[in-house]
């Protein structure tokens, strides 16, 4: 198995079924990674949550949950604001 960061070595492989399968697998992993990391980008860039101040675990947890809920709304805002 090719580990993350080693996908570029797949280019050196001879053409064939293994190379195609490896390319497809790396593409699927990249799509999943992008889908998982997108909400974190929204929280950091749109809402400015880069560093956490220590205010207690409960308060920080509630703030993060609220920010993730807001990021969900941010990501579907076009669909919510579209005229029906």
N, C-alpha and C. Protein backbone atom coordinates (compact mmCIF):
# COMPACT_ATOMS: atom_id res chain seq x y z
N UNK A 1 0.84 -1.18 0.00
CA UNK A 1 0.00 0.00 0.00
C UNK A 1 0.88 1.23 0.00
N UNK A 2 0.51 2.20 -0.76
CA UNK A 2 1.24 3.46 -0.82
C UNK A 2 0.70 4.37 0.26
N UNK A 3 1.58 4.90 1.09
CA UNK A 3 1.17 5.76 2.19
C UNK A 3 0.94 7.18 1.71
N UNK A 4 0.26 7.96 2.54
CA UNK A 4 -0.01 9.36 2.21
C UNK A 4 1.30 10.08 1.94
N UNK A 5 1.35 10.84 0.88
CA UNK A 5 2.56 11.54 0.52
C UNK A 5 3.42 10.76 -0.46
N UNK A 6 3.07 9.51 -0.68
CA UNK A 6 3.86 8.70 -1.60
C UNK A 6 3.11 8.45 -2.91
N UNK A 7 2.02 9.12 -3.10
CA UNK A 7 1.23 8.92 -4.31
C UNK A 7 2.01 9.33 -5.55
N UNK A 8 2.92 10.29 -5.38
CA UNK A 8 3.71 10.73 -6.53
C UNK A 8 4.59 9.62 -7.07
N UNK A 9 4.90 8.62 -6.25
CA UNK A 9 5.71 7.50 -6.72
C UNK A 9 4.92 6.60 -7.66
N UNK A 10 3.61 6.72 -7.63
CA UNK A 10 2.77 5.92 -8.52
C UNK A 10 3.00 6.30 -9.97
N UNK A 11 3.45 7.52 -10.21
CA UNK A 11 3.71 7.94 -11.58
C UNK A 11 4.84 7.14 -12.21
N UNK A 12 5.76 6.65 -11.39
CA UNK A 12 6.89 5.89 -11.89
C UNK A 12 6.52 4.44 -12.21
N UNK A 13 5.35 4.01 -11.78
CA UNK A 13 4.92 2.64 -12.03
C UNK A 13 4.58 2.46 -13.51
N UNK A 14 4.76 1.26 -14.02
CA UNK A 14 4.36 1.00 -15.40
C UNK A 14 2.84 1.06 -15.51
N UNK A 15 2.38 1.45 -16.69
CA UNK A 15 0.93 1.52 -16.91
C UNK A 15 0.32 0.14 -16.74
N UNK A 16 -0.87 0.14 -16.19
CA UNK A 16 -1.55 -1.13 -16.00
C UNK A 16 -2.64 -1.02 -14.96
N UNK A 17 -3.18 -2.16 -14.61
CA UNK A 17 -4.31 -2.22 -13.70
C UNK A 17 -3.94 -1.72 -12.31
N UNK A 18 -2.74 -2.09 -11.81
CA UNK A 18 -2.33 -1.67 -10.47
C UNK A 18 -2.21 -0.16 -10.38
N UNK A 19 -1.62 0.45 -11.39
CA UNK A 19 -1.45 1.91 -11.39
C UNK A 19 -2.81 2.60 -11.45
N UNK A 20 -3.74 2.09 -12.26
CA UNK A 20 -5.06 2.68 -12.35
C UNK A 20 -5.82 2.56 -11.03
N UNK A 21 -5.72 1.39 -10.39
CA UNK A 21 -6.38 1.18 -9.11
C UNK A 21 -5.80 2.09 -8.05
N UNK A 22 -4.49 2.22 -8.05
CA UNK A 22 -3.82 3.08 -7.08
C UNK A 22 -4.22 4.54 -7.28
N UNK A 23 -4.30 4.96 -8.52
CA UNK A 23 -4.71 6.32 -8.83
C UNK A 23 -6.15 6.58 -8.36
N UNK A 24 -7.03 5.63 -8.59
CA UNK A 24 -8.42 5.75 -8.16
C UNK A 24 -8.51 5.81 -6.64
N UNK A 25 -7.75 4.97 -5.96
CA UNK A 25 -7.74 4.94 -4.50
C UNK A 25 -7.25 6.26 -3.93
N UNK A 26 -6.18 6.80 -4.48
CA UNK A 26 -5.64 8.07 -4.00
C UNK A 26 -6.63 9.21 -4.23
N UNK A 27 -7.35 9.15 -5.33
CA UNK A 27 -8.35 10.17 -5.61
C UNK A 27 -9.50 10.12 -4.63
N UNK A 28 -9.95 8.90 -4.30
CA UNK A 28 -11.02 8.74 -3.32
C UNK A 28 -10.58 9.24 -1.94
N UNK A 29 -9.33 8.95 -1.58
CA UNK A 29 -8.83 9.43 -0.29
C UNK A 29 -8.76 10.95 -0.27
N UNK A 30 -8.35 11.55 -1.36
CA UNK A 30 -8.26 13.01 -1.42
C UNK A 30 -9.65 13.65 -1.33
N UNK A 31 -10.63 13.04 -1.96
CA UNK A 31 -11.99 13.56 -1.89
C UNK A 31 -12.53 13.49 -0.46
N UNK A 32 -12.28 12.38 0.21
CA UNK A 32 -12.74 12.22 1.59
C UNK A 32 -12.03 13.21 2.51
N UNK A 33 -10.74 13.37 2.31
CA UNK A 33 -9.96 14.31 3.13
C UNK A 33 -10.48 15.73 2.94
N UNK A 34 -10.79 16.11 1.72
CA UNK A 34 -11.30 17.45 1.45
C UNK A 34 -12.66 17.65 2.10
N UNK A 35 -13.50 16.64 2.06
CA UNK A 35 -14.83 16.75 2.65
C UNK A 35 -14.74 16.88 4.17
N UNK A 36 -13.81 16.18 4.79
CA UNK A 36 -13.67 16.22 6.24
C UNK A 36 -13.03 17.52 6.69
N UNK A 37 -12.06 18.03 5.94
CA UNK A 37 -11.32 19.21 6.38
C UNK A 37 -12.02 20.53 6.05
N UNK A 38 -13.01 20.52 5.19
CA UNK A 38 -13.66 21.76 4.79
C UNK A 38 -14.34 22.50 5.95
N UNK A 39 -15.09 21.81 6.83
CA UNK A 39 -15.68 22.54 7.96
C UNK A 39 -14.65 23.20 8.87
N UNK A 40 -13.49 22.58 9.02
CA UNK A 40 -12.44 23.19 9.84
C UNK A 40 -11.93 24.47 9.19
N UNK A 41 -11.84 24.47 7.88
CA UNK A 41 -11.41 25.68 7.17
C UNK A 41 -12.42 26.80 7.36
N UNK A 42 -13.71 26.47 7.27
CA UNK A 42 -14.76 27.47 7.45
C UNK A 42 -14.68 28.06 8.85
N UNK A 43 -14.51 27.21 9.85
CA UNK A 43 -14.44 27.69 11.23
C UNK A 43 -13.23 28.59 11.43
N UNK A 44 -12.10 28.22 10.85
CA UNK A 44 -10.89 29.02 11.04
C UNK A 44 -10.95 30.34 10.27
N UNK A 45 -11.38 30.30 9.03
CA UNK A 45 -11.32 31.49 8.18
C UNK A 45 -12.53 32.40 8.33
N UNK A 46 -13.73 31.83 8.33
CA UNK A 46 -14.93 32.65 8.37
C UNK A 46 -15.24 33.16 9.77
N UNK A 47 -14.97 32.32 10.77
CA UNK A 47 -15.34 32.68 12.14
C UNK A 47 -14.14 33.01 13.01
N UNK A 48 -12.93 32.95 12.48
CA UNK A 48 -11.74 33.38 13.19
C UNK A 48 -11.36 32.54 14.39
N UNK A 49 -11.74 31.29 14.41
CA UNK A 49 -11.44 30.43 15.55
C UNK A 49 -10.11 29.70 15.29
N UNK A 50 -9.01 30.41 15.54
CA UNK A 50 -7.71 29.83 15.27
C UNK A 50 -7.07 29.30 16.54
N UNK A 51 -7.18 30.06 17.62
CA UNK A 51 -6.63 29.63 18.90
C UNK A 51 -7.75 29.56 19.92
N UNK A 52 -7.61 28.65 20.86
CA UNK A 52 -8.61 28.47 21.90
C UNK A 52 -8.07 29.02 23.21
N UNK A 53 -8.84 29.89 23.81
CA UNK A 53 -8.49 30.39 25.13
C UNK A 53 -9.03 29.39 26.15
N UNK A 54 -8.30 29.15 27.21
CA UNK A 54 -8.79 28.21 28.21
C UNK A 54 -9.88 28.87 29.05
N UNK A 55 -11.10 28.37 28.91
CA UNK A 55 -12.22 28.87 29.68
C UNK A 55 -12.95 27.72 30.33
N UNK A 56 -12.36 26.58 30.29
CA UNK A 56 -13.03 25.39 30.81
C UNK A 56 -13.46 24.51 29.65
N UNK A 57 -13.45 23.23 29.90
CA UNK A 57 -13.78 22.29 28.84
C UNK A 57 -15.23 22.44 28.37
N UNK A 58 -16.13 22.68 29.29
CA UNK A 58 -17.55 22.79 28.91
C UNK A 58 -17.78 23.99 27.99
N UNK A 59 -17.21 25.14 28.35
CA UNK A 59 -17.42 26.34 27.53
C UNK A 59 -16.77 26.19 26.16
N UNK A 60 -15.55 25.65 26.11
CA UNK A 60 -14.89 25.46 24.82
C UNK A 60 -15.64 24.45 23.96
N UNK A 61 -16.16 23.39 24.58
CA UNK A 61 -16.92 22.38 23.84
C UNK A 61 -18.19 22.99 23.26
N UNK A 62 -18.89 23.78 24.06
CA UNK A 62 -20.12 24.41 23.55
C UNK A 62 -19.81 25.40 22.43
N UNK A 63 -18.71 26.12 22.56
CA UNK A 63 -18.35 27.07 21.51
C UNK A 63 -18.04 26.33 20.21
N UNK A 64 -17.30 25.23 20.29
CA UNK A 64 -16.99 24.46 19.08
C UNK A 64 -18.24 23.86 18.45
N UNK A 65 -19.13 23.35 19.27
CA UNK A 65 -20.37 22.78 18.73
C UNK A 65 -21.18 23.86 18.01
N UNK A 66 -21.23 25.05 18.61
CA UNK A 66 -21.94 26.15 17.98
C UNK A 66 -21.27 26.55 16.67
N UNK A 67 -19.94 26.61 16.66
CA UNK A 67 -19.23 26.97 15.44
C UNK A 67 -19.43 25.94 14.34
N UNK A 68 -19.46 24.66 14.69
CA UNK A 68 -19.70 23.64 13.67
C UNK A 68 -21.12 23.73 13.13
N UNK A 69 -22.09 24.05 13.99
CA UNK A 69 -23.46 24.25 13.51
C UNK A 69 -23.52 25.44 12.56
N UNK A 70 -22.83 26.53 12.92
CA UNK A 70 -22.79 27.69 12.04
C UNK A 70 -22.08 27.40 10.73
N UNK A 71 -21.03 26.57 10.79
CA UNK A 71 -20.32 26.24 9.55
C UNK A 71 -21.21 25.40 8.64
N UNK A 72 -22.05 24.54 9.21
CA UNK A 72 -22.99 23.78 8.39
C UNK A 72 -23.96 24.72 7.68
N UNK A 73 -24.45 25.73 8.41
CA UNK A 73 -25.34 26.71 7.79
C UNK A 73 -24.61 27.52 6.73
N UNK A 74 -23.36 27.86 7.00
CA UNK A 74 -22.55 28.64 6.05
C UNK A 74 -22.38 27.87 4.74
N UNK A 75 -22.15 26.56 4.86
CA UNK A 75 -21.88 25.77 3.66
C UNK A 75 -23.14 25.53 2.82
N UNK A 76 -24.32 25.60 3.41
CA UNK A 76 -25.55 25.39 2.64
C UNK A 76 -26.32 26.69 2.46
N UNK A 77 -25.68 27.83 2.70
CA UNK A 77 -26.38 29.12 2.65
C UNK A 77 -26.97 29.40 1.27
N UNK A 78 -26.32 28.97 0.21
CA UNK A 78 -26.84 29.22 -1.13
C UNK A 78 -28.16 28.48 -1.35
N UNK A 79 -28.22 27.25 -0.86
CA UNK A 79 -29.46 26.49 -1.01
C UNK A 79 -30.57 27.05 -0.13
N UNK A 80 -30.20 27.57 1.05
CA UNK A 80 -31.21 28.14 1.94
C UNK A 80 -31.76 29.46 1.45
N UNK A 81 -30.90 30.24 0.78
CA UNK A 81 -31.32 31.56 0.33
C UNK A 81 -31.90 31.57 -1.09
N UNK A 82 -31.84 30.44 -1.75
CA UNK A 82 -32.35 30.36 -3.13
C UNK A 82 -33.87 30.51 -3.13
N UNK A 83 -34.38 31.26 -4.11
CA UNK A 83 -35.84 31.40 -4.18
C UNK A 83 -36.48 30.07 -4.54
N UNK A 84 -37.58 29.76 -3.88
CA UNK A 84 -38.23 28.47 -4.13
C UNK A 84 -39.17 28.52 -5.29
